[in-house]
């Protein structure tokens, strides 16, 4: 997800809203499906000067979020 001009606080708000939205199970064809979410966040220009570098750093943050457990969000820089 690309969020132009939101900064760290804006990215954090969006991540928290996504985490909240995915806490409730989804009903699909009569089945209740639960899911968890892991979010890696990279900010321009601090975490990368181009798309490739930003995606690489967001992916690194995503893997850290997955290691922290379900429903986690992690900034590239560990914020």
PDB file of N, CA and C in Angstrom:
ATOM      1  N   UNK A   1       0.849  -1.154   0.000  1.00  0.00           N
ATOM      2  CA  UNK A   1       0.000   0.000   0.000  1.00  0.00           C
ATOM      3  C   UNK A   1       0.904   1.228   0.000  1.00  0.00           C
ATOM      4  N   UNK A   2       0.655   2.133  -0.890  1.00  0.00           N
ATOM      5  CA  UNK A   2       1.404   3.389  -0.928  1.00  0.00           C
ATOM      6  C   UNK A   2       0.533   4.494  -0.354  1.00  0.00           C
ATOM      7  N   UNK A   3       1.100   5.240   0.586  1.00  0.00           N
ATOM      8  CA  UNK A   3       0.368   6.318   1.239  1.00  0.00           C
ATOM      9  C   UNK A   3       1.167   7.606   1.096  1.00  0.00           C
ATOM     10  N   UNK A   4       0.888   8.384   0.055  1.00  0.00           N
ATOM     11  CA  UNK A   4       1.659   9.611  -0.138  1.00  0.00           C
ATOM     12  C   UNK A   4       1.420  10.636   0.963  1.00  0.00           C
ATOM     13  N   UNK A   5       2.511  11.238   1.397  1.00  0.00           N
ATOM     14  CA  UNK A   5       2.460  12.383   2.316  1.00  0.00           C
ATOM     15  C   UNK A   5       1.768  12.111   3.649  1.00  0.00           C
ATOM     16  N   UNK A   6       1.885  10.907   4.197  1.00  0.00           N
ATOM     17  CA  UNK A   6       1.258  10.660   5.499  1.00  0.00           C
ATOM     18  C   UNK A   6       2.268  10.668   6.639  1.00  0.00           C
ATOM     19  N   UNK A   7       3.513  10.384   6.377  1.00  0.00           N
ATOM     20  CA  UNK A   7       4.528  10.375   7.418  1.00  0.00           C
ATOM     21  C   UNK A   7       4.346   9.217   8.385  1.00  0.00           C
ATOM     22  N   UNK A   8       5.183   9.204   9.410  1.00  0.00           N
ATOM     23  CA  UNK A   8       5.192   8.102  10.365  1.00  0.00           C
ATOM     24  C   UNK A   8       3.868   7.985  11.112  1.00  0.00           C
ATOM     25  N   UNK A   9       3.335   9.096  11.592  1.00  0.00           N
ATOM     26  CA  UNK A   9       2.078   9.050  12.348  1.00  0.00           C
ATOM     27  C   UNK A   9       0.914   8.587  11.488  1.00  0.00           C
ATOM     28  N   UNK A  10       0.851   9.054  10.257  1.00  0.00           N
ATOM     29  CA  UNK A  10      -0.220   8.635   9.354  1.00  0.00           C
ATOM     30  C   UNK A  10      -0.125   7.157   9.014  1.00  0.00           C
ATOM     31  N   UNK A  11       1.084   6.684   8.760  1.00  0.00           N
ATOM     32  CA  UNK A  11       1.284   5.265   8.460  1.00  0.00           C
ATOM     33  C   UNK A  11       0.883   4.412   9.660  1.00  0.00           C
ATOM     34  N   UNK A  12       1.211   4.867  10.837  1.00  0.00           N
ATOM     35  CA  UNK A  12       0.855   4.148  12.057  1.00  0.00           C
ATOM     36  C   UNK A  12      -0.663   4.086  12.236  1.00  0.00           C
ATOM     37  N   UNK A  13      -1.348   5.188  11.974  1.00  0.00           N
ATOM     38  CA  UNK A  13      -2.818   5.201  12.088  1.00  0.00           C
ATOM     39  C   UNK A  13      -3.452   4.220  11.108  1.00  0.00           C
ATOM     40  N   UNK A  14      -2.975   4.222   9.854  1.00  0.00           N
ATOM     41  CA  UNK A  14      -3.532   3.307   8.851  1.00  0.00           C
ATOM     42  C   UNK A  14      -3.252   1.860   9.246  1.00  0.00           C
ATOM     43  N   UNK A  15      -2.041   1.566   9.684  1.00  0.00           N
ATOM     44  CA  UNK A  15      -1.695   0.202  10.098  1.00  0.00           C
ATOM     45  C   UNK A  15      -2.586  -0.251  11.260  1.00  0.00           C
ATOM     46  N   UNK A  16      -2.794   0.624  12.227  1.00  0.00           N
ATOM     47  CA  UNK A  16      -3.631   0.264  13.374  1.00  0.00           C
ATOM     48  C   UNK A  16      -5.089   0.045  12.957  1.00  0.00           C
ATOM     49  N   UNK A  17      -5.581   0.837  12.011  1.00  0.00           N
ATOM     50  CA  UNK A  17      -6.953   0.636  11.522  1.00  0.00           C
ATOM     51  C   UNK A  17      -7.072  -0.706  10.805  1.00  0.00           C
ATOM     52  N   UNK A  18      -6.061  -1.073  10.026  1.00  0.00           N
ATOM     53  CA  UNK A  18      -6.079  -2.377   9.349  1.00  0.00           C
ATOM     54  C   UNK A  18      -6.046  -3.519  10.364  1.00  0.00           C
ATOM     55  N   UNK A  19      -5.192  -3.403  11.368  1.00  0.00           N
ATOM     56  CA  UNK A  19      -5.122  -4.436  12.398  1.00  0.00           C
ATOM     57  C   UNK A  19      -6.463  -4.597  13.108  1.00  0.00           C
ATOM     58  N   UNK A  20      -7.118  -3.490  13.401  1.00  0.00           N
ATOM     59  CA  UNK A  20      -8.427  -3.534  14.053  1.00  0.00           C
ATOM     60  C   UNK A  20      -9.469  -4.187  13.142  1.00  0.00           C
ATOM     61  N   UNK A  21      -9.460  -3.828  11.873  1.00  0.00           N
ATOM     62  CA  UNK A  21     -10.445  -4.365  10.929  1.00  0.00           C
ATOM     63  C   UNK A  21     -10.316  -5.882  10.769  1.00  0.00           C
ATOM     64  N   UNK A  22      -9.097  -6.396  10.877  1.00  0.00           N
ATOM     65  CA  UNK A  22      -8.893  -7.825  10.667  1.00  0.00           C
ATOM     66  C   UNK A  22      -9.031  -8.643  11.951  1.00  0.00           C
ATOM     67  N   UNK A  23      -9.346  -8.021  13.071  1.00  0.00           N
ATOM     68  CA  UNK A  23      -9.550  -8.760  14.316  1.00  0.00           C
ATOM     69  C   UNK A  23     -10.840  -9.573  14.290  1.00  0.00           C
ATOM     70  N   UNK A  24     -11.848  -9.076  13.598  1.00  0.00           N
ATOM     71  CA  UNK A  24     -13.122  -9.783  13.512  1.00  0.00           C
ATOM     72  C   UNK A  24     -13.065 -10.832  12.411  1.00  0.00           C
ATOM     73  N   UNK A  25     -13.673 -11.999  12.646  1.00  0.00           N
ATOM     74  CA  UNK A  25     -13.689 -13.027  11.592  1.00  0.00           C
ATOM     75  C   UNK A  25     -14.552 -12.598  10.407  1.00  0.00           C
ATOM     76  N   UNK A  26     -14.210 -13.145   9.252  1.00  0.00           N
ATOM     77  CA  UNK A  26     -14.977 -12.912   8.029  1.00  0.00           C
ATOM     78  C   UNK A  26     -15.903 -14.101   7.816  1.00  0.00           C
ATOM     79  N   UNK A  27     -17.127 -13.826   7.391  1.00  0.00           N
ATOM     80  CA  UNK A  27     -18.054 -14.904   7.050  1.00  0.00           C
ATOM     81  C   UNK A  27     -18.016 -15.110   5.546  1.00  0.00           C
ATOM     82  N   UNK A  28     -17.633 -16.319   5.149  1.00  0.00           N
ATOM     83  CA  UNK A  28     -17.534 -16.663   3.726  1.00  0.00           C
ATOM     84  C   UNK A  28     -18.247 -17.991   3.514  1.00  0.00           C
ATOM     85  N   UNK A  29     -19.276 -17.956   2.710  1.00  0.00           N
ATOM     86  CA  UNK A  29     -20.036 -19.164   2.364  1.00  0.00           C
ATOM     87  C   UNK A  29     -20.437 -19.951   3.620  1.00  0.00           C
ATOM     88  N   UNK A  30     -20.889 -19.240   4.639  1.00  0.00           N
ATOM     89  CA  UNK A  30     -21.345 -19.878   5.855  1.00  0.00           C
ATOM     90  C   UNK A  30     -20.247 -20.302   6.817  1.00  0.00           C
ATOM     91  N   UNK A  31     -19.012 -19.959   6.508  1.00  0.00           N
ATOM     92  CA  UNK A  31     -17.879 -20.301   7.374  1.00  0.00           C
ATOM     93  C   UNK A  31     -17.302 -19.029   7.981  1.00  0.00           C
ATOM     94  N   UNK A  32     -16.926 -19.109   9.232  1.00  0.00           N
ATOM     95  CA  UNK A  32     -16.280 -17.995   9.905  1.00  0.00           C
ATOM     96  C   UNK A  32     -14.765 -18.182   9.792  1.00  0.00           C
ATOM     97  N   UNK A  33     -14.110 -17.252   9.110  1.00  0.00           N
ATOM     98  CA  UNK A  33     -12.673 -17.349   8.873  1.00  0.00           C
ATOM     99  C   UNK A  33     -11.939 -16.258   9.630  1.00  0.00           C
ATOM    100  N   UNK A  34     -11.012 -16.658  10.471  1.00  0.00           N
ATOM    101  CA  UNK A  34     -10.185 -15.707  11.200  1.00  0.00           C
ATOM    102  C   UNK A  34      -8.841 -15.545  10.509  1.00  0.00           C
ATOM    103  N   UNK A  35      -8.256 -14.387  10.660  1.00  0.00           N
ATOM    104  CA  UNK A  35      -6.958 -14.134  10.047  1.00  0.00           C
ATOM    105  C   UNK A  35      -6.149 -13.210  10.942  1.00  0.00           C
ATOM    106  N   UNK A  36      -4.859 -13.216  10.727  1.00  0.00           N
ATOM    107  CA  UNK A  36      -3.997 -12.270  11.410  1.00  0.00           C
ATOM    108  C   UNK A  36      -3.276 -11.438  10.362  1.00  0.00           C
ATOM    109  N   UNK A  37      -2.685 -10.367  10.805  1.00  0.00           N
ATOM    110  CA  UNK A  37      -2.053  -9.434   9.887  1.00  0.00           C
ATOM    111  C   UNK A  37      -0.667  -9.080  10.391  1.00  0.00           C
ATOM    112  N   UNK A  38       0.283  -9.039   9.496  1.00  0.00           N
ATOM    113  CA  UNK A  38       1.626  -8.547   9.798  1.00  0.00           C
ATOM    114  C   UNK A  38       1.906  -7.422   8.816  1.00  0.00           C
ATOM    115  N   UNK A  39       2.415  -6.294   9.331  1.00  0.00           N
ATOM    116  CA  UNK A  39       2.613  -5.114   8.493  1.00  0.00           C
ATOM    117  C   UNK A  39       4.040  -4.610   8.647  1.00  0.00           C
ATOM    118  N   UNK A  40       4.736  -4.470   7.525  1.00  0.00           N
ATOM    119  CA  UNK A  40       6.063  -3.857   7.499  1.00  0.00           C
ATOM    120  C   UNK A  40       5.950  -2.478   6.876  1.00  0.00           C
ATOM    121  N   UNK A  41       6.544  -1.484   7.511  1.00  0.00           N
ATOM    122  CA  UNK A  41       6.401  -0.094   7.065  1.00  0.00           C
ATOM    123  C   UNK A  41       7.762   0.507   6.765  1.00  0.00           C
ATOM    124  N   UNK A  42       7.895   1.087   5.570  1.00  0.00           N
ATOM    125  CA  UNK A  42       9.089   1.841   5.177  1.00  0.00           C
ATOM    126  C   UNK A  42       8.642   3.235   4.764  1.00  0.00           C
ATOM    127  N   UNK A  43       9.405   4.237   5.173  1.00  0.00           N
ATOM    128  CA  UNK A  43       9.049   5.629   4.891  1.00  0.00           C
ATOM    129  C   UNK A  43      10.070   6.281   3.962  1.00  0.00           C
ATOM    130  N   UNK A  44       9.555   6.995   2.984  1.00  0.00           N
ATOM    131  CA  UNK A  44      10.397   7.770   2.054  1.00  0.00           C
ATOM    132  C   UNK A  44      10.668   9.132   2.665  1.00  0.00           C
ATOM    133  N   UNK A  45      11.835   9.665   2.564  1.00  0.00           N
ATOM    134  CA  UNK A  45      13.070   9.139   1.979  1.00  0.00           C
ATOM    135  C   UNK A  45      13.972   8.447   2.994  1.00  0.00           C
ATOM    136  N   UNK A  46      13.553   8.432   4.259  1.00  0.00           N
ATOM    137  CA  UNK A  46      14.404   7.884   5.324  1.00  0.00           C
ATOM    138  C   UNK A  46      14.796   6.434   5.083  1.00  0.00           C
ATOM    139  N   UNK A  47      13.854   5.612   4.619  1.00  0.00           N
ATOM    140  CA  UNK A  47      14.100   4.176   4.463  1.00  0.00           C
ATOM    141  C   UNK A  47      14.390   3.758   3.027  1.00  0.00           C
ATOM    142  N   UNK A  48      14.481   4.712   2.137  1.00  0.00           N
ATOM    143  CA  UNK A  48      14.794   4.400   0.747  1.00  0.00           C
ATOM    144  C   UNK A  48      14.528   5.569  -0.164  1.00  0.00           C
ATOM    145  N   UNK A  49      15.396   5.729  -1.151  1.00  0.00           N
ATOM    146  CA  UNK A  49      15.269   6.849  -2.081  1.00  0.00           C
ATOM    147  C   UNK A  49      14.496   6.483  -3.344  1.00  0.00           C
ATOM    148  N   UNK A  50      14.236   5.176  -3.535  1.00  0.00           N
ATOM    149  CA  UNK A  50      13.479   4.749  -4.710  1.00  0.00           C
ATOM    150  C   UNK A  50      12.566   3.584  -4.331  1.00  0.00           C
ATOM    151  N   UNK A  51      11.708   3.211  -5.262  1.00  0.00           N
ATOM    152  CA  UNK A  51      10.703   2.178  -4.996  1.00  0.00           C
ATOM    153  C   UNK A  51      11.364   0.854  -4.622  1.00  0.00           C
ATOM    154  N   UNK A  52      12.391   0.472  -5.324  1.00  0.00           N
ATOM    155  CA  UNK A  52      13.043  -0.817  -5.066  1.00  0.00           C
ATOM    156  C   UNK A  52      13.593  -0.867  -3.642  1.00  0.00           C
ATOM    157  N   UNK A  53      14.265   0.176  -3.224  1.00  0.00           N
ATOM    158  CA  UNK A  53      14.834   0.212  -1.876  1.00  0.00           C
ATOM    159  C   UNK A  53      13.737   0.258  -0.806  1.00  0.00           C
ATOM    160  N   UNK A  54      12.685   1.019  -1.068  1.00  0.00           N
ATOM    161  CA  UNK A  54      11.575   1.083  -0.112  1.00  0.00           C
ATOM    162  C   UNK A  54      10.897  -0.277   0.043  1.00  0.00           C
ATOM    163  N   UNK A  55      10.659  -0.965  -1.079  1.00  0.00           N
ATOM    164  CA  UNK A  55      10.027  -2.280  -1.010  1.00  0.00           C
ATOM    165  C   UNK A  55      10.915  -3.289  -0.294  1.00  0.00           C
ATOM    166  N   UNK A  56      12.202  -3.230  -0.551  1.00  0.00           N
ATOM    167  CA  UNK A  56      13.143  -4.133   0.125  1.00  0.00           C
ATOM    168  C   UNK A  56      13.100  -3.904   1.632  1.00  0.00           C
ATOM    169  N   UNK A  57      13.124  -2.652   2.043  1.00  0.00           N
ATOM    170  CA  UNK A  57      13.112  -2.342   3.469  1.00  0.00           C
ATOM    171  C   UNK A  57      11.755  -2.636   4.113  1.00  0.00           C
ATOM    172  N   UNK A  58      10.673  -2.416   3.387  1.00  0.00           N
ATOM    173  CA  UNK A  58       9.348  -2.764   3.909  1.00  0.00           C
ATOM    174  C   UNK A  58       9.237  -4.278   4.073  1.00  0.00           C
ATOM    175  N   UNK A  59       9.813  -5.037   3.146  1.00  0.00           N
ATOM    176  CA  UNK A  59       9.808  -6.490   3.243  1.00  0.00           C
ATOM    177  C   UNK A  59      10.603  -6.960   4.462  1.00  0.00           C
ATOM    178  N   UNK A  60      11.732  -6.322   4.708  1.00  0.00           N
ATOM    179  CA  UNK A  60      12.532  -6.646   5.898  1.00  0.00           C
ATOM    180  C   UNK A  60      11.718  -6.379   7.166  1.00  0.00           C
ATOM    181  N   UNK A  61      11.026  -5.242   7.208  1.00  0.00           N
ATOM    182  CA  UNK A  61      10.186  -4.906   8.359  1.00  0.00           C
ATOM    183  C   UNK A  61       9.036  -5.908   8.491  1.00  0.00           C
ATOM    184  N   UNK A  62       8.470  -6.335   7.371  1.00  0.00           N
ATOM    185  CA  UNK A  62       7.394  -7.319   7.392  1.00  0.00           C
ATOM    186  C   UNK A  62       7.861  -8.624   8.036  1.00  0.00           C
ATOM    187  N   UNK A  63       9.052  -9.077   7.676  1.00  0.00           N
ATOM    188  CA  UNK A  63       9.579 -10.312   8.258  1.00  0.00           C
ATOM    189  C   UNK A  63       9.812 -10.155   9.761  1.00  0.00           C
ATOM    190  N   UNK A  64      10.235  -8.980  10.185  1.00  0.00           N
ATOM    191  CA  UNK A  64      10.393  -8.720  11.625  1.00  0.00           C
ATOM    192  C   UNK A  64       9.036  -8.745  12.319  1.00  0.00           C
ATOM    193  N   UNK A  65       8.018  -8.175  11.661  1.00  0.00           N
ATOM    194  CA  UNK A  65       6.667  -8.172  12.236  1.00  0.00           C
ATOM    195  C   UNK A  65       6.154  -9.601  12.384  1.00  0.00           C
ATOM    196  N   UNK A  66       6.414 -10.442  11.398  1.00  0.00           N
ATOM    197  CA  UNK A  66       5.978 -11.840  11.467  1.00  0.00           C
ATOM    198  C   UNK A  66       6.657 -12.568  12.622  1.00  0.00           C
ATOM    199  N   UNK A  67       7.931 -12.268  12.863  1.00  0.00           N
ATOM    200  CA  UNK A  67       8.651 -12.895  13.974  1.00  0.00           C
ATOM    201  C   UNK A  67       8.092 -12.454  15.329  1.00  0.00           C
ATOM    202  N   UNK A  68       7.558 -11.236  15.390  1.00  0.00           N
ATOM    203  CA  UNK A  68       6.995 -10.726  16.642  1.00  0.00           C
ATOM    204  C   UNK A  68       5.673 -11.394  16.994  1.00  0.00           C
ATOM    205  N   UNK A  69       5.042 -12.018  16.042  1.00  0.00           N
ATOM    206  CA  UNK A  69       3.782 -12.708  16.299  1.00  0.00           C
ATOM    207  C   UNK A  69       2.643 -12.074  15.525  1.00  0.00           C
ATOM    208  N   UNK A  70       1.454 -12.615  15.730  1.00  0.00           N
ATOM    209  CA  UNK A  70       0.311 -12.162  14.952  1.00  0.00           C
ATOM    210  C   UNK A  70      -0.097 -10.735  15.313  1.00  0.00           C
ATOM    211  N   UNK A  71      -0.676 -10.080  14.328  1.00  0.00           N
ATOM    212  CA  UNK A  71      -1.194  -8.723  14.473  1.00  0.00           C
ATOM    213  C   UNK A  71      -0.141  -7.727  14.939  1.00  0.00           C
ATOM    214  N   UNK A  72       0.978  -7.702  14.192  1.00  0.00           N
ATOM    215  CA  UNK A  72       2.057  -6.795  14.521  1.00  0.00           C
ATOM    216  C   UNK A  72       2.306  -5.839  13.366  1.00  0.00           C
ATOM    217  N   UNK A  73       2.822  -4.676  13.715  1.00  0.00           N
ATOM    218  CA  UNK A  73       3.266  -3.699  12.709  1.00  0.00           C
ATOM    219  C   UNK A  73       4.639  -3.214  13.134  1.00  0.00           C
ATOM    220  N   UNK A  74       5.545  -3.157  12.166  1.00  0.00           N
ATOM    221  CA  UNK A  74       6.927  -2.809  12.466  1.00  0.00           C
ATOM    222  C   UNK A  74       7.430  -1.817  11.417  1.00  0.00           C
ATOM    223  N   UNK A  75       8.080  -0.774  11.899  1.00  0.00           N
ATOM    224  CA  UNK A  75       8.756   0.161  11.004  1.00  0.00           C
ATOM    225  C   UNK A  75      10.116  -0.416  10.640  1.00  0.00           C
ATOM    226  N   UNK A  76      10.611  -0.040   9.480  1.00  0.00           N
ATOM    227  CA  UNK A  76      11.913  -0.504   9.026  1.00  0.00           C
ATOM    228  C   UNK A  76      12.989  -0.208  10.068  1.00  0.00           C
ATOM    229  N   UNK A  77      12.910   0.950  10.674  1.00  0.00           N
ATOM    230  CA  UNK A  77      13.953   1.371  11.605  1.00  0.00           C
ATOM    231  C   UNK A  77      13.695   0.905  13.030  1.00  0.00           C
ATOM    232  N   UNK A  78      12.669   0.087  13.232  1.00  0.00           N
ATOM    233  CA  UNK A  78      12.380  -0.423  14.558  1.00  0.00           C
ATOM    234  C   UNK A  78      11.600   0.528  15.436  1.00  0.00           C
ATOM    235  N   UNK A  79      11.002   1.554  14.851  1.00  0.00           N
ATOM    236  CA  UNK A  79      10.237   2.539  15.626  1.00  0.00           C
ATOM    237  C   UNK A  79       8.930   1.961  16.095  1.00  0.00           C
TER     238      UNK A  79
END
